[in-house]
């Protein structure tokens, strides 16, 4: 792993390690795979977490580094959950979250961010604890909702991207910042695609209830 961190490319005068390049490209692939609801989403995500963990440790971003460990565990859950929620035609069955589920997601994001930021600050584990913590917690909420097949996970990713771009730029991780911008566009399209699928699944239920 040290070899991948110490060597890389120079683009527009900025150095990009091979570990950061490969990790972010894998993470980018995960967005494409998630939109298509294929089980390959999760093993590719595992590869991305291993690479990006080393990148963020070297950049002294404790929240983002710890996030990779949590993502690994949630990815295993997501892999298991998606094998149990398969649709023979459209892939993984998705739906819109209920009101209480949305409240739980928002509450977990806010409370988790506060707790994590205070912890990172106390441990001196991050030079920018609040955005670092928000990205960490937002990622956990997003992946947990993705594993459950909730459309709203795409909106959580948008919030993470909005926080992540300036943090990556300030950390000198310019390639990662550019990837985050690409993520944002893909996330909007993914949200549209999953919403369409959710309507397709819900429509027969509504028709059956009204008949």
N, C-alpha and C. Protein backbone atom coordinates (compact mmCIF):
# COMPACT_ATOMS: atom_id res chain seq x y z
N UNK A 1 0.82 -1.20 0.00
CA UNK A 1 0.00 0.00 0.00
C UNK A 1 0.86 1.27 0.00
N UNK A 2 1.99 1.23 0.69
CA UNK A 2 2.89 2.38 0.71
C UNK A 2 3.33 2.76 -0.70
N UNK A 3 3.54 1.75 -1.54
CA UNK A 3 3.95 2.00 -2.92
C UNK A 3 2.88 2.79 -3.67
N UNK A 4 1.62 2.46 -3.43
CA UNK A 4 0.52 3.17 -4.09
C UNK A 4 0.35 4.59 -3.56
N UNK A 5 0.72 4.80 -2.30
CA UNK A 5 0.62 6.13 -1.72
C UNK A 5 1.76 7.05 -2.13
N UNK A 6 2.94 6.46 -2.33
CA UNK A 6 4.13 7.26 -2.60
C UNK A 6 4.33 7.55 -4.08
N UNK A 7 3.62 6.84 -4.93
CA UNK A 7 3.76 7.04 -6.37
C UNK A 7 2.41 7.39 -6.97
N UNK A 8 2.46 8.13 -8.07
CA UNK A 8 1.21 8.51 -8.70
C UNK A 8 1.42 9.34 -9.94
N UNK A 9 0.45 10.23 -10.19
CA UNK A 9 0.46 11.07 -11.37
C UNK A 9 0.45 12.54 -10.96
N UNK A 10 0.87 13.39 -11.86
CA UNK A 10 0.78 14.83 -11.66
C UNK A 10 -0.13 15.39 -12.73
N UNK A 11 -1.22 15.99 -12.31
CA UNK A 11 -2.22 16.56 -13.23
C UNK A 11 -2.40 18.04 -12.90
N UNK A 12 -2.13 18.90 -13.87
CA UNK A 12 -2.23 20.35 -13.68
C UNK A 12 -1.42 20.80 -12.46
N UNK A 13 -0.26 20.19 -12.31
CA UNK A 13 0.63 20.56 -11.23
C UNK A 13 0.30 19.98 -9.88
N UNK A 14 -0.73 19.14 -9.80
CA UNK A 14 -1.14 18.54 -8.53
C UNK A 14 -0.85 17.04 -8.54
N UNK A 15 -0.26 16.57 -7.45
CA UNK A 15 0.09 15.16 -7.34
C UNK A 15 -1.11 14.33 -6.89
N UNK A 16 -1.33 13.22 -7.57
CA UNK A 16 -2.41 12.29 -7.23
C UNK A 16 -1.80 10.91 -7.05
N UNK A 17 -1.88 10.37 -5.85
CA UNK A 17 -1.31 9.05 -5.61
C UNK A 17 -2.14 7.98 -6.33
N UNK A 18 -1.48 6.85 -6.62
CA UNK A 18 -2.22 5.77 -7.27
C UNK A 18 -3.32 5.23 -6.35
N UNK A 19 -3.07 5.27 -5.04
CA UNK A 19 -4.09 4.80 -4.09
C UNK A 19 -5.33 5.68 -4.16
N UNK A 20 -5.14 7.01 -4.20
CA UNK A 20 -6.28 7.92 -4.29
C UNK A 20 -6.99 7.75 -5.63
N UNK A 21 -6.22 7.62 -6.70
CA UNK A 21 -6.79 7.47 -8.04
C UNK A 21 -7.65 6.22 -8.13
N UNK A 22 -7.07 5.08 -7.73
CA UNK A 22 -7.81 3.82 -7.82
C UNK A 22 -9.00 3.79 -6.88
N UNK A 23 -8.80 4.30 -5.65
CA UNK A 23 -9.89 4.29 -4.68
C UNK A 23 -11.07 5.12 -5.12
N UNK A 24 -10.81 6.32 -5.65
CA UNK A 24 -11.91 7.18 -6.09
C UNK A 24 -12.57 6.67 -7.35
N UNK A 25 -11.81 6.04 -8.24
CA UNK A 25 -12.42 5.47 -9.43
C UNK A 25 -13.34 4.30 -9.06
N UNK A 26 -12.93 3.51 -8.08
CA UNK A 26 -13.80 2.43 -7.59
C UNK A 26 -15.06 3.02 -6.96
N UNK A 27 -14.89 4.09 -6.17
CA UNK A 27 -16.04 4.73 -5.55
C UNK A 27 -16.98 5.30 -6.60
N UNK A 28 -16.40 5.84 -7.67
CA UNK A 28 -17.22 6.36 -8.77
C UNK A 28 -17.99 5.23 -9.44
N UNK A 29 -17.33 4.09 -9.61
CA UNK A 29 -18.00 2.94 -10.22
C UNK A 29 -19.17 2.46 -9.37
N UNK A 30 -19.03 2.61 -8.05
CA UNK A 30 -20.10 2.18 -7.14
C UNK A 30 -21.39 2.95 -7.42
N UNK A 31 -21.28 4.24 -7.74
CA UNK A 31 -22.47 5.04 -8.02
C UNK A 31 -23.19 4.50 -9.26
N UNK A 32 -22.44 4.19 -10.32
CA UNK A 32 -23.03 3.60 -11.52
C UNK A 32 -23.72 2.28 -11.19
N UNK A 33 -23.03 1.44 -10.42
CA UNK A 33 -23.56 0.13 -10.09
C UNK A 33 -24.79 0.23 -9.20
N UNK A 34 -24.76 1.17 -8.23
CA UNK A 34 -25.90 1.34 -7.34
C UNK A 34 -27.14 1.79 -8.10
N UNK A 35 -26.95 2.68 -9.06
CA UNK A 35 -28.10 3.15 -9.85
C UNK A 35 -28.74 1.98 -10.58
N UNK A 36 -27.91 1.04 -11.03
CA UNK A 36 -28.42 -0.13 -11.76
C UNK A 36 -28.82 -1.26 -10.83
N UNK A 37 -28.63 -1.07 -9.54
CA UNK A 37 -29.08 -2.00 -8.51
C UNK A 37 -28.50 -3.40 -8.70
N UNK A 38 -27.21 -3.46 -9.02
CA UNK A 38 -26.54 -4.74 -9.16
C UNK A 38 -25.76 -5.08 -7.89
N UNK A 39 -25.66 -6.37 -7.60
CA UNK A 39 -24.93 -6.80 -6.40
C UNK A 39 -23.44 -6.47 -6.48
N UNK A 40 -22.92 -6.20 -7.68
CA UNK A 40 -21.51 -5.83 -7.82
C UNK A 40 -21.21 -4.51 -7.10
N UNK A 41 -22.26 -3.76 -6.78
CA UNK A 41 -22.08 -2.51 -6.03
C UNK A 41 -21.22 -2.72 -4.79
N UNK A 42 -21.48 -3.80 -4.08
CA UNK A 42 -20.87 -3.96 -2.75
C UNK A 42 -19.44 -4.47 -2.78
N UNK A 43 -19.07 -5.49 -3.57
CA UNK A 43 -17.65 -5.88 -3.60
C UNK A 43 -16.75 -4.77 -4.13
N UNK A 44 -17.23 -3.99 -5.10
CA UNK A 44 -16.43 -2.87 -5.60
C UNK A 44 -16.26 -1.82 -4.50
N UNK A 45 -17.31 -1.62 -3.70
CA UNK A 45 -17.22 -0.68 -2.59
C UNK A 45 -16.18 -1.13 -1.57
N UNK A 46 -16.10 -2.42 -1.32
CA UNK A 46 -15.10 -2.94 -0.38
C UNK A 46 -13.69 -2.59 -0.85
N UNK A 47 -13.42 -2.75 -2.15
CA UNK A 47 -12.11 -2.40 -2.68
C UNK A 47 -11.81 -0.92 -2.51
N UNK A 48 -12.82 -0.07 -2.71
CA UNK A 48 -12.63 1.37 -2.55
C UNK A 48 -12.31 1.73 -1.12
N UNK A 49 -12.95 1.07 -0.16
CA UNK A 49 -12.71 1.41 1.25
C UNK A 49 -11.29 1.12 1.68
N UNK A 50 -10.74 0.01 1.22
CA UNK A 50 -9.37 -0.35 1.59
C UNK A 50 -8.38 0.69 1.08
N UNK A 51 -8.55 1.10 -0.17
CA UNK A 51 -7.63 2.08 -0.75
C UNK A 51 -7.78 3.47 -0.12
N UNK A 52 -9.01 3.91 0.07
CA UNK A 52 -9.23 5.26 0.59
C UNK A 52 -8.91 5.37 2.07
N UNK A 53 -9.00 4.28 2.80
CA UNK A 53 -8.59 4.30 4.21
C UNK A 53 -7.13 4.74 4.32
N UNK A 54 -6.28 4.18 3.49
CA UNK A 54 -4.86 4.53 3.53
C UNK A 54 -4.63 5.98 3.11
N UNK A 55 -5.43 6.46 2.14
CA UNK A 55 -5.30 7.84 1.67
C UNK A 55 -5.64 8.83 2.78
N UNK A 56 -6.74 8.59 3.47
CA UNK A 56 -7.18 9.55 4.48
C UNK A 56 -6.34 9.49 5.75
N UNK A 57 -5.80 8.33 6.06
CA UNK A 57 -4.88 8.26 7.19
C UNK A 57 -3.64 9.10 6.90
N UNK A 58 -3.12 9.01 5.68
CA UNK A 58 -1.93 9.78 5.32
C UNK A 58 -2.22 11.28 5.28
N UNK A 59 -3.51 11.68 5.06
CA UNK A 59 -3.89 13.09 5.02
C UNK A 59 -4.33 13.61 6.38
N UNK A 60 -4.24 12.79 7.42
CA UNK A 60 -4.63 13.16 8.79
C UNK A 60 -6.10 13.59 8.86
N UNK A 61 -6.96 12.82 8.21
CA UNK A 61 -8.40 13.04 8.27
C UNK A 61 -9.01 11.82 8.96
N UNK A 62 -9.02 11.88 10.30
CA UNK A 62 -9.46 10.72 11.08
C UNK A 62 -10.89 10.31 10.84
N UNK A 63 -11.77 11.31 10.66
CA UNK A 63 -13.17 10.98 10.41
C UNK A 63 -13.36 10.24 9.11
N UNK A 64 -12.71 10.73 8.05
CA UNK A 64 -12.84 10.07 6.76
C UNK A 64 -12.18 8.70 6.75
N UNK A 65 -11.09 8.56 7.50
CA UNK A 65 -10.43 7.26 7.58
C UNK A 65 -11.30 6.25 8.33
N UNK A 66 -11.84 6.69 9.47
CA UNK A 66 -12.72 5.81 10.25
C UNK A 66 -13.96 5.45 9.45
N UNK A 67 -14.39 6.40 8.64
CA UNK A 67 -15.57 6.17 7.80
C UNK A 67 -15.37 4.94 6.93
N UNK A 68 -14.17 4.72 6.42
CA UNK A 68 -13.94 3.59 5.53
C UNK A 68 -14.16 2.25 6.24
N UNK A 69 -13.79 2.20 7.53
CA UNK A 69 -14.00 0.97 8.29
C UNK A 69 -15.50 0.71 8.45
N UNK A 70 -16.24 1.79 8.78
CA UNK A 70 -17.69 1.65 8.94
C UNK A 70 -18.35 1.27 7.61
N UNK A 71 -17.87 1.88 6.52
CA UNK A 71 -18.43 1.55 5.21
C UNK A 71 -18.22 0.08 4.87
N UNK A 72 -17.06 -0.43 5.24
CA UNK A 72 -16.79 -1.85 4.99
C UNK A 72 -17.83 -2.73 5.68
N UNK A 73 -18.13 -2.42 6.93
CA UNK A 73 -19.11 -3.22 7.68
C UNK A 73 -20.51 -3.07 7.08
N UNK A 74 -20.88 -1.83 6.73
CA UNK A 74 -22.20 -1.61 6.15
C UNK A 74 -22.30 -2.24 4.77
N UNK A 75 -21.20 -2.26 4.04
CA UNK A 75 -21.20 -2.89 2.72
C UNK A 75 -21.52 -4.38 2.82
N UNK A 76 -21.00 -5.00 3.86
CA UNK A 76 -21.31 -6.42 4.06
C UNK A 76 -22.79 -6.61 4.36
N UNK A 77 -23.35 -5.67 5.16
CA UNK A 77 -24.79 -5.71 5.43
C UNK A 77 -25.58 -5.48 4.13
N UNK A 78 -25.18 -4.48 3.36
CA UNK A 78 -25.88 -4.17 2.12
C UNK A 78 -25.85 -5.34 1.14
N UNK A 79 -24.70 -5.98 1.06
CA UNK A 79 -24.56 -7.14 0.18
C UNK A 79 -25.56 -8.21 0.57
N UNK A 80 -25.63 -8.49 1.88
CA UNK A 80 -26.57 -9.50 2.39
C UNK A 80 -28.01 -9.07 2.14
N UNK A 81 -28.33 -7.79 2.42
CA UNK A 81 -29.70 -7.30 2.28
C UNK A 81 -30.16 -7.35 0.83
N UNK A 82 -29.28 -6.98 -0.08
CA UNK A 82 -29.68 -6.96 -1.49
C UNK A 82 -29.88 -8.36 -2.05
N UNK A 83 -29.21 -9.35 -1.52
CA UNK A 83 -29.43 -10.72 -1.98
C UNK A 83 -30.82 -11.21 -1.58
N UNK A 84 -31.40 -10.57 -0.56
CA UNK A 84 -32.71 -10.99 -0.06
C UNK A 84 -33.86 -10.15 -0.65
N UNK A 85 -33.53 -9.07 -1.36
CA UNK A 85 -34.57 -8.17 -1.87
C UNK A 85 -34.48 -8.05 -3.38
N UNK A 86 -34.22 -9.15 -4.04
CA UNK A 86 -34.05 -9.13 -5.49
C UNK A 86 -35.40 -9.13 -6.19
N UNK A 87 -35.44 -8.44 -7.32
CA UNK A 87 -36.59 -8.46 -8.22
C UNK A 87 -36.13 -9.14 -9.50
N UNK A 88 -36.90 -10.10 -10.02
CA UNK A 88 -36.44 -10.86 -11.19
C UNK A 88 -36.25 -10.03 -12.45
N UNK A 89 -36.87 -8.84 -12.52
CA UNK A 89 -36.77 -8.02 -13.72
C UNK A 89 -35.94 -6.77 -13.50
N UNK A 90 -36.22 -6.04 -12.42
CA UNK A 90 -35.64 -4.72 -12.24
C UNK A 90 -34.49 -4.65 -11.24
N UNK A 91 -34.05 -5.78 -10.71
CA UNK A 91 -32.94 -5.76 -9.75
C UNK A 91 -33.45 -5.66 -8.33
N UNK A 92 -32.80 -4.86 -7.51
CA UNK A 92 -33.19 -4.73 -6.12
C UNK A 92 -34.48 -3.91 -6.01
N UNK A 93 -35.42 -4.37 -5.21
CA UNK A 93 -36.67 -3.65 -4.99
C UNK A 93 -36.39 -2.41 -4.15
N UNK A 94 -36.84 -1.24 -4.61
CA UNK A 94 -36.61 0.00 -3.88
C UNK A 94 -37.94 0.66 -3.54
N UNK A 95 -37.92 1.57 -2.58
CA UNK A 95 -39.14 2.27 -2.16
C UNK A 95 -38.77 3.60 -1.53
N UNK A 96 -39.76 4.48 -1.42
CA UNK A 96 -39.59 5.73 -0.70
C UNK A 96 -39.70 5.46 0.80
N UNK A 97 -38.93 6.18 1.58
CA UNK A 97 -38.98 6.00 3.02
C UNK A 97 -40.26 6.57 3.61
N UNK A 98 -40.73 5.95 4.68
CA UNK A 98 -41.88 6.49 5.40
C UNK A 98 -41.45 7.72 6.20
N UNK A 99 -42.43 8.49 6.66
CA UNK A 99 -42.13 9.71 7.40
C UNK A 99 -41.23 9.48 8.59
N UNK A 100 -41.51 8.43 9.35
CA UNK A 100 -40.71 8.15 10.53
C UNK A 100 -39.29 7.75 10.15
N UNK A 101 -39.13 7.06 9.03
CA UNK A 101 -37.79 6.68 8.58
C UNK A 101 -36.98 7.90 8.18
N UNK A 102 -37.63 8.86 7.54
CA UNK A 102 -36.94 10.10 7.16
C UNK A 102 -36.52 10.88 8.39
N UNK A 103 -37.40 10.92 9.41
CA UNK A 103 -37.05 11.62 10.65
C UNK A 103 -35.87 10.95 11.35
N UNK A 104 -35.86 9.63 11.35
CA UNK A 104 -34.75 8.89 11.96
C UNK A 104 -33.44 9.19 11.22
N UNK A 105 -33.49 9.22 9.89
CA UNK A 105 -32.29 9.53 9.11
C UNK A 105 -31.77 10.93 9.42
N UNK A 106 -32.67 11.92 9.47
CA UNK A 106 -32.26 13.29 9.75
C UNK A 106 -31.72 13.42 11.17
N UNK A 107 -32.41 12.79 12.11
CA UNK A 107 -31.95 12.86 13.51
C UNK A 107 -30.60 12.20 13.70
N UNK A 108 -30.41 11.05 13.04
CA UNK A 108 -29.12 10.35 13.14
C UNK A 108 -28.00 11.18 12.55
N UNK A 109 -28.30 11.87 11.44
CA UNK A 109 -27.29 12.70 10.79
C UNK A 109 -26.86 13.85 11.71
N UNK A 110 -27.83 14.56 12.28
CA UNK A 110 -27.51 15.72 13.12
C UNK A 110 -26.83 15.30 14.42
N UNK A 111 -27.44 14.37 15.14
CA UNK A 111 -26.89 13.95 16.43
C UNK A 111 -25.53 13.26 16.25
N UNK A 112 -25.43 12.44 15.22
CA UNK A 112 -24.17 11.74 14.97
C UNK A 112 -23.05 12.69 14.61
N UNK A 113 -23.37 13.72 13.83
CA UNK A 113 -22.35 14.71 13.45
C UNK A 113 -21.82 15.45 14.67
N UNK A 114 -22.71 15.88 15.56
CA UNK A 114 -22.28 16.58 16.77
C UNK A 114 -21.38 15.69 17.62
N UNK A 115 -21.82 14.47 17.86
CA UNK A 115 -21.05 13.55 18.70
C UNK A 115 -19.69 13.24 18.09
N UNK A 116 -19.67 12.96 16.78
CA UNK A 116 -18.42 12.60 16.12
C UNK A 116 -17.47 13.78 16.06
N UNK A 117 -17.98 14.99 15.82
CA UNK A 117 -17.12 16.17 15.75
C UNK A 117 -16.45 16.44 17.10
N UNK A 118 -17.21 16.31 18.17
CA UNK A 118 -16.65 16.51 19.51
C UNK A 118 -15.59 15.46 19.81
N UNK A 119 -15.83 14.22 19.37
CA UNK A 119 -14.87 13.15 19.59
C UNK A 119 -13.58 13.40 18.81
N UNK A 120 -13.71 13.76 17.53
CA UNK A 120 -12.53 14.04 16.71
C UNK A 120 -11.72 15.20 17.27
N UNK A 121 -12.43 16.22 17.75
CA UNK A 121 -11.76 17.38 18.32
C UNK A 121 -11.02 17.01 19.60
N UNK A 122 -11.67 16.21 20.45
CA UNK A 122 -11.05 15.80 21.71
C UNK A 122 -9.82 14.94 21.49
N UNK A 123 -9.85 14.11 20.46
CA UNK A 123 -8.74 13.22 20.16
C UNK A 123 -7.69 13.86 19.25
N UNK A 124 -7.99 15.08 18.80
CA UNK A 124 -7.11 15.76 17.84
C UNK A 124 -6.86 14.87 16.62
N UNK A 125 -7.95 14.25 16.17
CA UNK A 125 -7.86 13.27 15.08
C UNK A 125 -8.15 13.88 13.72
N UNK A 126 -8.51 15.17 13.68
CA UNK A 126 -8.81 15.81 12.41
C UNK A 126 -8.55 17.30 12.53
N UNK A 127 -8.00 17.89 11.49
CA UNK A 127 -7.77 19.34 11.51
C UNK A 127 -9.05 20.12 11.23
N UNK A 128 -10.10 19.43 10.73
CA UNK A 128 -11.38 20.07 10.44
C UNK A 128 -12.51 19.15 10.91
N UNK A 129 -12.74 19.07 12.22
CA UNK A 129 -13.61 18.03 12.77
C UNK A 129 -15.07 18.09 12.36
N UNK A 130 -15.66 19.28 12.18
CA UNK A 130 -17.09 19.35 11.90
C UNK A 130 -17.46 18.85 10.51
N UNK A 131 -16.85 19.35 9.44
CA UNK A 131 -17.16 18.76 8.13
C UNK A 131 -16.70 17.31 8.02
N UNK A 132 -15.57 17.00 8.66
CA UNK A 132 -15.07 15.63 8.66
C UNK A 132 -16.11 14.71 9.29
N UNK A 133 -16.68 15.15 10.41
CA UNK A 133 -17.70 14.35 11.11
C UNK A 133 -18.98 14.25 10.30
N UNK A 134 -19.39 15.36 9.66
CA UNK A 134 -20.63 15.33 8.87
C UNK A 134 -20.52 14.36 7.71
N UNK A 135 -19.37 14.32 7.07
CA UNK A 135 -19.16 13.38 5.97
C UNK A 135 -19.18 11.95 6.48
N UNK A 136 -18.53 11.73 7.62
CA UNK A 136 -18.49 10.40 8.22
C UNK A 136 -19.89 9.89 8.52
N UNK A 137 -20.67 10.70 9.25
CA UNK A 137 -22.01 10.27 9.68
C UNK A 137 -22.96 10.20 8.48
N UNK A 138 -22.87 11.19 7.59
CA UNK A 138 -23.73 11.18 6.42
C UNK A 138 -23.53 9.94 5.56
N UNK A 139 -22.28 9.53 5.46
CA UNK A 139 -21.98 8.33 4.67
C UNK A 139 -22.61 7.08 5.29
N UNK A 140 -22.54 6.99 6.62
CA UNK A 140 -23.14 5.84 7.29
C UNK A 140 -24.66 5.82 7.08
N UNK A 141 -25.28 6.98 7.23
CA UNK A 141 -26.73 7.07 7.03
C UNK A 141 -27.09 6.71 5.59
N UNK A 142 -26.32 7.22 4.65
CA UNK A 142 -26.60 6.95 3.24
C UNK A 142 -26.47 5.47 2.91
N UNK A 143 -25.40 4.84 3.37
CA UNK A 143 -25.21 3.43 3.05
C UNK A 143 -26.23 2.54 3.74
N UNK A 144 -26.61 2.90 4.98
CA UNK A 144 -27.63 2.12 5.68
C UNK A 144 -28.97 2.21 4.93
N UNK A 145 -29.32 3.43 4.47
CA UNK A 145 -30.56 3.60 3.72
C UNK A 145 -30.48 2.92 2.37
N UNK A 146 -29.29 2.93 1.75
CA UNK A 146 -29.12 2.24 0.47
C UNK A 146 -29.32 0.74 0.63
N UNK A 147 -28.75 0.19 1.70
CA UNK A 147 -28.93 -1.24 1.95
C UNK A 147 -30.39 -1.61 2.16
N UNK A 148 -31.16 -0.67 2.73
CA UNK A 148 -32.59 -0.91 2.95
C UNK A 148 -33.42 -0.62 1.70
N UNK A 149 -32.77 -0.10 0.65
CA UNK A 149 -33.47 0.18 -0.59
C UNK A 149 -34.31 1.44 -0.56
N UNK A 150 -33.94 2.43 0.29
CA UNK A 150 -34.70 3.67 0.40
C UNK A 150 -34.19 4.70 -0.60
N UNK A 151 -35.09 5.30 -1.36
CA UNK A 151 -34.73 6.28 -2.37
C UNK A 151 -34.00 7.48 -1.76
N UNK A 152 -34.33 7.83 -0.54
CA UNK A 152 -33.78 9.03 0.09
C UNK A 152 -32.28 8.97 0.32
N UNK A 153 -31.66 7.80 0.18
CA UNK A 153 -30.22 7.73 0.41
C UNK A 153 -29.46 8.61 -0.58
N UNK A 154 -30.04 8.81 -1.78
CA UNK A 154 -29.39 9.67 -2.77
C UNK A 154 -29.32 11.12 -2.29
N UNK A 155 -30.35 11.59 -1.59
CA UNK A 155 -30.36 12.95 -1.08
C UNK A 155 -29.32 13.15 0.02
N UNK A 156 -29.13 12.12 0.83
CA UNK A 156 -28.08 12.20 1.85
C UNK A 156 -26.72 12.31 1.18
N UNK A 157 -26.52 11.58 0.09
CA UNK A 157 -25.26 11.65 -0.65
C UNK A 157 -25.02 13.04 -1.20
N UNK A 158 -26.09 13.72 -1.63
CA UNK A 158 -25.94 15.09 -2.12
C UNK A 158 -25.40 16.01 -1.02
N UNK A 159 -25.92 15.83 0.19
CA UNK A 159 -25.44 16.63 1.32
C UNK A 159 -23.98 16.33 1.61
N UNK A 160 -23.60 15.07 1.55
CA UNK A 160 -22.21 14.67 1.78
C UNK A 160 -21.30 15.29 0.73
N UNK A 161 -21.73 15.27 -0.53
CA UNK A 161 -20.93 15.86 -1.61
C UNK A 161 -20.73 17.36 -1.40
N UNK A 162 -21.80 18.04 -0.98
CA UNK A 162 -21.73 19.49 -0.78
C UNK A 162 -20.73 19.85 0.31
N UNK A 163 -20.62 19.01 1.31
CA UNK A 163 -19.65 19.25 2.39
C UNK A 163 -18.26 18.77 1.98
N UNK A 164 -18.22 17.69 1.23
CA UNK A 164 -16.95 17.05 0.91
C UNK A 164 -16.07 17.80 -0.06
N UNK A 165 -16.65 18.50 -1.03
CA UNK A 165 -15.84 19.19 -2.05
C UNK A 165 -14.90 20.22 -1.42
N UNK A 166 -15.42 21.16 -0.63
CA UNK A 166 -14.49 22.14 -0.04
C UNK A 166 -13.49 21.52 0.93
N UNK A 167 -13.89 20.46 1.65
CA UNK A 167 -12.95 19.82 2.57
C UNK A 167 -11.81 19.15 1.82
N UNK A 168 -12.13 18.47 0.72
CA UNK A 168 -11.10 17.81 -0.07
C UNK A 168 -10.15 18.84 -0.68
N UNK A 169 -10.69 19.96 -1.16
CA UNK A 169 -9.84 21.01 -1.72
C UNK A 169 -8.90 21.57 -0.67
N UNK A 170 -9.43 21.84 0.53
CA UNK A 170 -8.61 22.39 1.59
C UNK A 170 -7.55 21.40 2.06
N UNK A 171 -7.80 20.10 1.84
CA UNK A 171 -6.85 19.05 2.25
C UNK A 171 -5.82 18.76 1.17
N UNK A 172 -5.94 19.42 0.01
CA UNK A 172 -5.01 19.17 -1.07
C UNK A 172 -5.32 17.93 -1.88
N UNK A 173 -6.51 17.35 -1.67
CA UNK A 173 -6.92 16.15 -2.40
C UNK A 173 -7.79 16.57 -3.59
N UNK A 174 -7.14 17.17 -4.59
CA UNK A 174 -7.86 17.80 -5.69
C UNK A 174 -8.59 16.80 -6.57
N UNK A 175 -7.98 15.65 -6.77
CA UNK A 175 -8.64 14.63 -7.59
C UNK A 175 -9.91 14.15 -6.89
N UNK A 176 -9.81 13.95 -5.58
CA UNK A 176 -10.98 13.52 -4.82
C UNK A 176 -12.09 14.57 -4.88
N UNK A 177 -11.71 15.85 -4.83
CA UNK A 177 -12.71 16.92 -4.93
C UNK A 177 -13.41 16.87 -6.29
N UNK A 178 -12.64 16.64 -7.35
CA UNK A 178 -13.24 16.55 -8.68
C UNK A 178 -14.19 15.36 -8.78
N UNK A 179 -13.79 14.25 -8.17
CA UNK A 179 -14.65 13.06 -8.17
C UNK A 179 -15.95 13.35 -7.43
N UNK A 180 -15.87 14.10 -6.33
CA UNK A 180 -17.07 14.46 -5.58
C UNK A 180 -18.04 15.26 -6.45
N UNK A 181 -17.50 16.14 -7.30
CA UNK A 181 -18.36 16.91 -8.20
C UNK A 181 -19.05 16.00 -9.22
N UNK A 182 -18.30 15.02 -9.72
CA UNK A 182 -18.90 14.05 -10.64
C UNK A 182 -19.96 13.23 -9.92
N UNK A 183 -19.66 12.88 -8.65
CA UNK A 183 -20.64 12.16 -7.84
C UNK A 183 -21.97 12.90 -7.80
N UNK A 184 -21.90 14.21 -7.60
CA UNK A 184 -23.12 15.00 -7.43
C UNK A 184 -24.04 14.85 -8.65
N UNK A 185 -23.46 14.93 -9.84
CA UNK A 185 -24.26 14.76 -11.05
C UNK A 185 -24.85 13.36 -11.16
N UNK A 186 -24.05 12.36 -10.83
CA UNK A 186 -24.53 10.99 -10.89
C UNK A 186 -25.60 10.72 -9.83
N UNK A 187 -25.44 11.34 -8.67
CA UNK A 187 -26.41 11.16 -7.59
C UNK A 187 -27.78 11.70 -7.99
N UNK A 188 -27.80 12.85 -8.64
CA UNK A 188 -29.07 13.42 -9.10
C UNK A 188 -29.76 12.46 -10.07
N UNK A 189 -28.98 11.91 -10.99
CA UNK A 189 -29.56 10.96 -11.95
C UNK A 189 -30.00 9.68 -11.25
N UNK A 190 -29.21 9.21 -10.29
CA UNK A 190 -29.58 8.01 -9.54
C UNK A 190 -30.86 8.20 -8.75
N UNK A 191 -31.01 9.38 -8.15
CA UNK A 191 -32.24 9.68 -7.40
C UNK A 191 -33.45 9.64 -8.33
N UNK A 192 -33.31 10.21 -9.52
CA UNK A 192 -34.40 10.18 -10.50
C UNK A 192 -34.73 8.75 -10.91
N UNK A 193 -33.71 7.94 -11.14
CA UNK A 193 -33.91 6.57 -11.58
C UNK A 193 -34.59 5.73 -10.50
N UNK A 194 -34.13 5.86 -9.25
CA UNK A 194 -34.73 5.08 -8.16
C UNK A 194 -36.15 5.54 -7.89
N UNK A 195 -36.41 6.85 -8.01
CA UNK A 195 -37.78 7.34 -7.82
C UNK A 195 -38.72 6.72 -8.85
N UNK A 196 -38.27 6.63 -10.08
CA UNK A 196 -39.08 6.02 -11.13
C UNK A 196 -39.35 4.55 -10.81
N UNK A 197 -38.33 3.85 -10.32
CA UNK A 197 -38.50 2.44 -9.96
C UNK A 197 -39.45 2.29 -8.77
N UNK A 198 -39.35 3.21 -7.81
CA UNK A 198 -40.22 3.15 -6.64
C UNK A 198 -41.67 3.35 -7.04
N UNK A 199 -41.91 4.26 -7.98
CA UNK A 199 -43.28 4.47 -8.46
C UNK A 199 -43.80 3.23 -9.17
N UNK A 200 -42.93 2.54 -9.90
CA UNK A 200 -43.33 1.34 -10.63
C UNK A 200 -43.72 0.22 -9.66
N UNK A 201 -43.02 0.17 -8.54
CA UNK A 201 -43.33 -0.86 -7.53
C UNK A 201 -44.58 -0.49 -6.76
N UNK A 202 -44.77 0.81 -6.47
CA UNK A 202 -45.89 1.25 -5.64
C UNK A 202 -47.21 1.25 -6.39
N UNK A 203 -47.18 1.53 -7.69
CA UNK A 203 -48.41 1.66 -8.47
C UNK A 203 -49.33 0.44 -8.37
N UNK A 204 -48.82 -0.80 -8.53
CA UNK A 204 -49.71 -1.96 -8.42
C UNK A 204 -50.35 -2.07 -7.05
N UNK A 205 -49.62 -1.67 -6.00
CA UNK A 205 -50.14 -1.74 -4.64
C UNK A 205 -51.29 -0.75 -4.48
N UNK A 206 -51.13 0.46 -5.03
CA UNK A 206 -52.17 1.48 -4.95
C UNK A 206 -53.40 1.05 -5.71
N UNK A 207 -53.20 0.48 -6.90
CA UNK A 207 -54.34 0.03 -7.70
C UNK A 207 -55.10 -1.09 -6.98
N UNK A 208 -54.34 -2.00 -6.34
CA UNK A 208 -54.98 -3.11 -5.64
C UNK A 208 -55.78 -2.62 -4.44
N UNK A 209 -55.27 -1.60 -3.76
CA UNK A 209 -55.95 -1.07 -2.59
C UNK A 209 -57.23 -0.33 -2.95
N UNK A 210 -57.25 0.30 -4.15
CA UNK A 210 -58.41 1.08 -4.56
C UNK A 210 -59.47 0.25 -5.26
N UNK A 211 -59.13 -0.99 -5.61
CA UNK A 211 -60.09 -1.83 -6.33
C UNK A 211 -60.99 -2.60 -5.37
